[in-house]
Amino acid sequence: MTPADRARAALANEAARIICETGLKDYRLAKSKAAEHLPAEATSGLPRNSEIRDAILAYQKVFGGETLGRDLRALRQKAIRVMRWLAEFRPRLVGGVLSGAIGLEPREYDIQLHVFADAVEELDIHFLNQGIAFDTGAVRLQIRRGVFEERPVCEFEFEGTRVAATVFSERGGRQPPISSVDDQPIRRATTKDIQALLDSD
């Protein structure tokens, strides 16, 4: 391993520690904070987001223990329940609950979904009819290589856990956006996929 590789690994490990211990989800911000904690010579080359994700998984193995495993399993079970509640919008699980790269701070856990509707108002009506409080916002996603678009997001609480549901059009959302972690199409999981993960534990 070259000195540059060691420096990049040190930065990835520090960013992973920050994410796991504080619940921070922004990899770019975690890299910046990590650089503040390390000597200048260790911050000459920034690690890729995929290296940080791998460092998070390694950190979890050392410090997460059985508690993290139970928390992750419970989150995946909860994801199945909320996806069944949103079944008419064909929800798919994405993000840390699917990959397993979550922090160690339970208060910062969340469930990220992709849902499908002709208009975000359909989701709004669903929440209103069910008496569920929600917030709306937007997220900027790379839909294709070099092409970015904003997508509406509905955030709400389900069984004490925050859920962020990004809304895609029925026709335009079949191709997953590009992940900022590994520059590959975002992995999406159905309830059957999640149950298979639970059964394999």
C-alpha atoms as a PDB file:
ATOM      1  CA  MET A   1       0.000   0.000   0.000  1.00  0.00           C
ATOM      2  CA  THR A   2       1.428   3.358  -1.024  1.00  0.00           C
ATOM      3  CA  PRO A   3       1.537   6.357   1.349  1.00  0.00           C
ATOM      4  CA  ALA A   4      -1.320   7.899  -0.657  1.00  0.00           C
ATOM      5  CA  ASP A   5      -3.384   4.732  -0.245  1.00  0.00           C
ATOM      6  CA  ARG A   6      -2.720   4.682   3.508  1.00  0.00           C
ATOM      7  CA  ALA A   7      -3.715   8.340   3.793  1.00  0.00           C
ATOM      8  CA  ARG A   8      -6.927   7.733   1.873  1.00  0.00           C
ATOM      9  CA  ALA A   9      -7.733   4.699   4.035  1.00  0.00           C
ATOM     10  CA  ALA A  10      -7.125   6.730   7.215  1.00  0.00           C
ATOM     11  CA  LEU A  11      -9.519   9.399   5.996  1.00  0.00           C
ATOM     12  CA  ALA A  12     -12.135   6.791   5.037  1.00  0.00           C
ATOM     13  CA  ASN A  13     -11.848   5.163   8.461  1.00  0.00           C
ATOM     14  CA  GLU A  14     -12.234   8.494  10.256  1.00  0.00           C
ATOM     15  CA  ALA A  15     -15.235   9.430   8.112  1.00  0.00           C
ATOM     16  CA  ALA A  16     -16.764   6.029   8.881  1.00  0.00           C
ATOM     17  CA  ARG A  17     -16.232   6.575  12.610  1.00  0.00           C
ATOM     18  CA  ILE A  18     -17.972   9.954  12.423  1.00  0.00           C
ATOM     19  CA  ILE A  19     -20.905   8.491  10.507  1.00  0.00           C
ATOM     20  CA  CYS A  20     -21.293   5.542  12.860  1.00  0.00           C
ATOM     21  CA  GLU A  21     -20.957   7.523  16.073  1.00  0.00           C
ATOM     22  CA  THR A  22     -22.988  10.611  15.159  1.00  0.00           C
ATOM     23  CA  GLY A  23     -25.534   9.310  12.664  1.00  0.00           C
ATOM     24  CA  LEU A  24     -24.331  11.709   9.957  1.00  0.00           C
ATOM     25  CA  LYS A  25     -25.507  10.478   6.545  1.00  0.00           C
ATOM     26  CA  ASP A  26     -23.761  12.891   4.183  1.00  0.00           C
ATOM     27  CA  TYR A  27     -20.553  11.172   3.035  1.00  0.00           C
ATOM     28  CA  ARG A  28     -19.147  14.401   1.607  1.00  0.00           C
ATOM     29  CA  LEU A  29     -19.632  16.239   4.895  1.00  0.00           C
ATOM     30  CA  ALA A  30     -18.173  13.280   6.801  1.00  0.00           C
ATOM     31  CA  LYS A  31     -15.038  13.498   4.627  1.00  0.00           C
ATOM     32  CA  SER A  32     -14.707  17.199   5.426  1.00  0.00           C
ATOM     33  CA  LYS A  33     -15.099  16.613   9.144  1.00  0.00           C
ATOM     34  CA  ALA A  34     -12.624  13.718   9.021  1.00  0.00           C
ATOM     35  CA  ALA A  35     -10.056  15.940   7.312  1.00  0.00           C
ATOM     36  CA  GLU A  36     -10.294  18.356  10.245  1.00  0.00           C
ATOM     37  CA  HIS A  37      -9.269  15.573  12.637  1.00  0.00           C
ATOM     38  CA  LEU A  38      -6.265  14.286  10.713  1.00  0.00           C
ATOM     39  CA  PRO A  39      -2.822  15.723   9.922  1.00  0.00           C
ATOM     40  CA  ALA A  40      -2.537  17.631   6.655  1.00  0.00           C
ATOM     41  CA  GLU A  41      -0.397  14.895   5.074  1.00  0.00           C
ATOM     42  CA  ALA A  42      -3.229  12.416   5.656  1.00  0.00           C
ATOM     43  CA  THR A  43      -5.779  14.473   3.741  1.00  0.00           C
ATOM     44  CA  SER A  44      -4.063  14.915   0.401  1.00  0.00           C
ATOM     45  CA  GLY A  45      -6.359  12.428  -1.375  1.00  0.00           C
ATOM     46  CA  LEU A  46     -10.060  12.026  -0.605  1.00  0.00           C
ATOM     47  CA  PRO A  47     -11.461   8.484  -0.511  1.00  0.00           C
ATOM     48  CA  ARG A  48     -14.295   7.426  -2.780  1.00  0.00           C
ATOM     49  CA  ASN A  49     -17.743   7.099  -1.217  1.00  0.00           C
ATOM     50  CA  SER A  50     -17.580   3.348  -1.798  1.00  0.00           C
ATOM     51  CA  GLU A  51     -14.421   3.212   0.352  1.00  0.00           C
ATOM     52  CA  ILE A  52     -16.266   5.017   3.143  1.00  0.00           C
ATOM     53  CA  ARG A  53     -19.189   2.594   2.880  1.00  0.00           C
ATOM     54  CA  ASP A  54     -16.785  -0.346   3.167  1.00  0.00           C
ATOM     55  CA  ALA A  55     -15.080   1.327   6.141  1.00  0.00           C
ATOM     56  CA  ILE A  56     -18.497   1.748   7.802  1.00  0.00           C
ATOM     57  CA  LEU A  57     -19.207  -1.970   7.416  1.00  0.00           C
ATOM     58  CA  ALA A  58     -15.778  -2.799   8.863  1.00  0.00           C
ATOM     59  CA  TYR A  59     -16.323  -0.384  11.777  1.00  0.00           C
ATOM     60  CA  GLN A  60     -19.688  -1.994  12.511  1.00  0.00           C
ATOM     61  CA  LYS A  61     -18.106  -5.448  12.764  1.00  0.00           C
ATOM     62  CA  VAL A  62     -15.688  -4.206  15.408  1.00  0.00           C
ATOM     63  CA  PHE A  63     -17.943  -1.913  17.440  1.00  0.00           C
ATOM     64  CA  GLY A  64     -21.532  -2.780  16.531  1.00  0.00           C
ATOM     65  CA  GLY A  65     -21.710  -6.289  17.904  1.00  0.00           C
ATOM     66  CA  GLU A  66     -24.968  -8.124  18.437  1.00  0.00           C
ATOM     67  CA  THR A  67     -26.860  -4.913  19.195  1.00  0.00           C
ATOM     68  CA  LEU A  68     -26.319  -3.551  15.698  1.00  0.00           C
ATOM     69  CA  GLY A  69     -27.341  -6.857  14.169  1.00  0.00           C
ATOM     70  CA  ARG A  70     -30.591  -6.819  16.141  1.00  0.00           C
ATOM     71  CA  ASP A  71     -31.237  -3.173  15.251  1.00  0.00           C
ATOM     72  CA  LEU A  72     -30.634  -3.786  11.553  1.00  0.00           C
ATOM     73  CA  ARG A  73     -32.888  -6.836  11.563  1.00  0.00           C
ATOM     74  CA  ALA A  74     -35.640  -4.877  13.332  1.00  0.00           C
ATOM     75  CA  LEU A  75     -35.313  -2.038  10.808  1.00  0.00           C
ATOM     76  CA  ARG A  76     -35.625  -4.435   7.894  1.00  0.00           C
ATOM     77  CA  GLN A  77     -38.713  -6.013   9.471  1.00  0.00           C
ATOM     78  CA  LYS A  78     -40.164  -2.539   9.995  1.00  0.00           C
ATOM     79  CA  ALA A  79     -39.341  -1.671   6.373  1.00  0.00           C
ATOM     80  CA  ILE A  80     -41.452  -4.626   5.243  1.00  0.00           C
ATOM     81  CA  ARG A  81     -44.378  -3.386   7.346  1.00  0.00           C
ATOM     82  CA  VAL A  82     -44.238   0.193   6.063  1.00  0.00           C
ATOM     83  CA  MET A  83     -43.846  -1.061   2.487  1.00  0.00           C
ATOM     84  CA  ARG A  84     -46.972  -3.170   2.882  1.00  0.00           C
ATOM     85  CA  TRP A  85     -48.766  -0.091   4.211  1.00  0.00           C
ATOM     86  CA  LEU A  86     -47.678   1.764   1.049  1.00  0.00           C
ATOM     87  CA  ALA A  87     -48.251  -1.241  -1.227  1.00  0.00           C
ATOM     88  CA  GLU A  88     -50.321   0.690  -3.811  1.00  0.00           C
ATOM     89  CA  PHE A  89     -47.218   2.810  -4.561  1.00  0.00           C
ATOM     90  CA  ARG A  90     -44.990  -0.223  -5.268  1.00  0.00           C
ATOM     91  CA  PRO A  91     -42.339   0.773  -2.675  1.00  0.00           C
ATOM     92  CA  ARG A  92     -38.723  -0.376  -2.911  1.00  0.00           C
ATOM     93  CA  LEU A  93     -36.217  -0.219  -0.074  1.00  0.00           C
ATOM     94  CA  VAL A  94     -32.947   1.609  -0.779  1.00  0.00           C
ATOM     95  CA  GLY A  95     -30.089   3.031   1.266  1.00  0.00           C
ATOM     96  CA  GLY A  96     -28.420   1.973   4.485  1.00  0.00           C
ATOM     97  CA  VAL A  97     -31.128  -0.327   5.843  1.00  0.00           C
ATOM     98  CA  LEU A  98     -30.776  -2.375   2.667  1.00  0.00           C
ATOM     99  CA  SER A  99     -26.956  -2.285   2.394  1.00  0.00           C
ATOM    100  CA  GLY A 100     -26.421  -2.580   6.147  1.00  0.00           C
ATOM    101  CA  ALA A 101     -24.216   0.538   6.234  1.00  0.00           C
ATOM    102  CA  ILE A 102     -26.025   2.325   9.069  1.00  0.00           C
ATOM    103  CA  GLY A 103     -24.619   4.234  12.010  1.00  0.00           C
ATOM    104  CA  LEU A 104     -24.496   2.940  15.561  1.00  0.00           C
ATOM    105  CA  GLU A 105     -26.787   5.657  16.964  1.00  0.00           C
ATOM    106  CA  PRO A 106     -30.396   4.332  17.018  1.00  0.00           C
ATOM    107  CA  ARG A 107     -31.915   7.820  17.214  1.00  0.00           C
ATOM    108  CA  GLU A 108     -30.490   8.561  13.763  1.00  0.00           C
ATOM    109  CA  TYR A 109     -31.827   5.476  11.984  1.00  0.00           C
ATOM    110  CA  ASP A 110     -34.168   5.976   9.061  1.00  0.00           C
ATOM    111  CA  ILE A 111     -35.780   3.952   6.296  1.00  0.00           C
ATOM    112  CA  GLN A 112     -35.373   5.156   2.709  1.00  0.00           C
ATOM    113  CA  LEU A 113     -37.883   4.137   0.065  1.00  0.00           C
ATOM    114  CA  HIS A 114     -38.516   4.734  -3.613  1.00  0.00           C
ATOM    115  CA  VAL A 115     -42.245   4.858  -4.406  1.00  0.00           C
ATOM    116  CA  PHE A 116     -44.144   5.309  -7.667  1.00  0.00           C
ATOM    117  CA  ALA A 117     -47.119   7.550  -8.455  1.00  0.00           C
ATOM    118  CA  ASP A 118     -48.373   9.712 -11.307  1.00  0.00           C
ATOM    119  CA  ALA A 119     -48.341  12.695  -8.927  1.00  0.00           C
ATOM    120  CA  VAL A 120     -46.905  13.269  -5.446  1.00  0.00           C
ATOM    121  CA  GLU A 121     -50.381  14.407  -4.384  1.00  0.00           C
ATOM    122  CA  GLU A 122     -51.503  10.783  -4.508  1.00  0.00           C
ATOM    123  CA  LEU A 123     -49.108  10.032  -1.683  1.00  0.00           C
ATOM    124  CA  ASP A 124     -50.193  13.162   0.190  1.00  0.00           C
ATOM    125  CA  ILE A 125     -53.831  12.042   0.020  1.00  0.00           C
ATOM    126  CA  HIS A 126     -52.860   8.604   1.331  1.00  0.00           C
ATOM    127  CA  PHE A 127     -51.209  10.165   4.382  1.00  0.00           C
ATOM    128  CA  LEU A 128     -54.092  12.571   4.982  1.00  0.00           C
ATOM    129  CA  ASN A 129     -56.664   9.774   4.772  1.00  0.00           C
ATOM    130  CA  GLN A 130     -54.664   7.762   7.288  1.00  0.00           C
ATOM    131  CA  GLY A 131     -54.163  10.733   9.609  1.00  0.00           C
ATOM    132  CA  ILE A 132     -50.379  10.575   9.250  1.00  0.00           C
ATOM    133  CA  ALA A 133     -48.364  13.772   9.678  1.00  0.00           C
ATOM    134  CA  PHE A 134     -45.776  14.261   6.932  1.00  0.00           C
ATOM    135  CA  ASP A 135     -43.365  16.789   5.472  1.00  0.00           C
ATOM    136  CA  THR A 136     -42.558  17.326   1.816  1.00  0.00           C
ATOM    137  CA  GLY A 137     -39.287  18.308   0.222  1.00  0.00           C
ATOM    138  CA  ALA A 138     -37.086  17.425  -2.720  1.00  0.00           C
ATOM    139  CA  VAL A 139     -33.852  15.590  -3.408  1.00  0.00           C
ATOM    140  CA  ARG A 140     -31.454  16.006  -6.337  1.00  0.00           C
ATOM    141  CA  LEU A 141     -30.649  12.687  -8.000  1.00  0.00           C
ATOM    142  CA  GLN A 142     -28.488  11.651 -10.939  1.00  0.00           C
ATOM    143  CA  ILE A 143     -31.092  10.081 -13.192  1.00  0.00           C
ATOM    144  CA  ARG A 144     -28.577   9.198 -15.907  1.00  0.00           C
ATOM    145  CA  ARG A 145     -24.854   9.800 -16.278  1.00  0.00           C
ATOM    146  CA  GLY A 146     -24.403  13.529 -15.933  1.00  0.00           C
ATOM    147  CA  VAL A 147     -28.164  14.230 -15.868  1.00  0.00           C
ATOM    148  CA  PHE A 148     -29.578  15.451 -12.560  1.00  0.00           C
ATOM    149  CA  GLU A 149     -33.207  16.018 -11.636  1.00  0.00           C
ATOM    150  CA  GLU A 150     -35.108  16.861  -8.485  1.00  0.00           C
ATOM    151  CA  ARG A 151     -37.587  14.355  -7.114  1.00  0.00           C
ATOM    152  CA  PRO A 152     -40.216  15.055  -4.441  1.00  0.00           C
ATOM    153  CA  VAL A 153     -39.754  13.404  -1.052  1.00  0.00           C
ATOM    154  CA  CYS A 154     -42.369  12.716   1.635  1.00  0.00           C
ATOM    155  CA  GLU A 155     -41.005  12.247   5.156  1.00  0.00           C
ATOM    156  CA  PHE A 156     -43.044  10.775   7.989  1.00  0.00           C
ATOM    157  CA  GLU A 157     -42.711   8.645  11.097  1.00  0.00           C
ATOM    158  CA  PHE A 158     -43.637   4.975  11.188  1.00  0.00           C
ATOM    159  CA  GLU A 159     -43.502   3.043  14.464  1.00  0.00           C
ATOM    160  CA  GLY A 160     -41.045   5.568  15.856  1.00  0.00           C
ATOM    161  CA  THR A 161     -38.668   5.530  12.868  1.00  0.00           C
ATOM    162  CA  ARG A 162     -38.321   8.276  10.269  1.00  0.00           C
ATOM    163  CA  VAL A 163     -39.155   7.225   6.708  1.00  0.00           C
ATOM    164  CA  ALA A 164     -38.138   9.176   3.597  1.00  0.00           C
ATOM    165  CA  ALA A 165     -40.118   8.186   0.497  1.00  0.00           C
ATOM    166  CA  THR A 166     -38.770   9.580  -2.778  1.00  0.00           C
ATOM    167  CA  VAL A 167     -41.505   9.738  -5.412  1.00  0.00           C
ATOM    168  CA  PHE A 168     -40.907   8.640  -9.018  1.00  0.00           C
ATOM    169  CA  SER A 169     -43.350   8.739 -11.912  1.00  0.00           C
ATOM    170  CA  GLU A 170     -44.917   5.459 -12.949  1.00  0.00           C
ATOM    171  CA  ARG A 171     -43.300   5.532 -16.383  1.00  0.00           C
ATOM    172  CA  GLY A 172     -40.108   7.456 -15.717  1.00  0.00           C
ATOM    173  CA  GLY A 173     -38.967   5.727 -12.553  1.00  0.00           C
ATOM    174  CA  ARG A 174     -38.326   2.210 -13.750  1.00  0.00           C
ATOM    175  CA  GLN A 175     -34.613   2.847 -14.262  1.00  0.00           C
ATOM    176  CA  PRO A 176     -33.008   3.483 -10.845  1.00  0.00           C
ATOM    177  CA  PRO A 177     -30.991   6.685 -10.446  1.00  0.00           C
ATOM    178  CA  ILE A 178     -27.214   6.536 -10.111  1.00  0.00           C
ATOM    179  CA  SER A 179     -25.870   6.028  -6.604  1.00  0.00           C
ATOM    180  CA  SER A 180     -23.559   8.695  -5.194  1.00  0.00           C
ATOM    181  CA  VAL A 181     -21.747   5.900  -3.320  1.00  0.00           C
ATOM    182  CA  ASP A 182     -20.500   3.694  -6.151  1.00  0.00           C
ATOM    183  CA  ASP A 183     -21.742   5.397  -9.367  1.00  0.00           C
ATOM    184  CA  GLN A 184     -23.892   2.357 -10.150  1.00  0.00           C
ATOM    185  CA  PRO A 185     -27.692   2.167 -10.436  1.00  0.00           C
ATOM    186  CA  ILE A 186     -29.167   2.317  -6.942  1.00  0.00           C
ATOM    187  CA  ARG A 187     -30.082  -1.101  -5.623  1.00  0.00           C
ATOM    188  CA  ARG A 188     -33.815  -1.408  -4.939  1.00  0.00           C
ATOM    189  CA  ALA A 189     -35.411  -4.211  -2.914  1.00  0.00           C
ATOM    190  CA  THR A 190     -38.962  -5.549  -2.745  1.00  0.00           C
ATOM    191  CA  THR A 191     -40.473  -6.982   0.423  1.00  0.00           C
ATOM    192  CA  LYS A 192     -39.585 -10.448  -0.888  1.00  0.00           C
ATOM    193  CA  ASP A 193     -35.962  -9.382  -1.322  1.00  0.00           C
ATOM    194  CA  ILE A 194     -35.832  -8.065   2.244  1.00  0.00           C
ATOM    195  CA  GLN A 195     -37.444 -11.216   3.624  1.00  0.00           C
ATOM    196  CA  ALA A 196     -34.789 -13.252   1.820  1.00  0.00           C
ATOM    197  CA  LEU A 197     -32.106 -11.187   3.593  1.00  0.00           C
ATOM    198  CA  LEU A 198     -33.791 -11.841   6.944  1.00  0.00           C
ATOM    199  CA  ASP A 199     -34.097 -15.565   6.226  1.00  0.00           C
ATOM    200  CA  SER A 200     -30.393 -15.778   5.336  1.00  0.00           C
ATOM    201  CA  ASP A 201     -29.237 -14.282   8.674  1.00  0.00           C
END
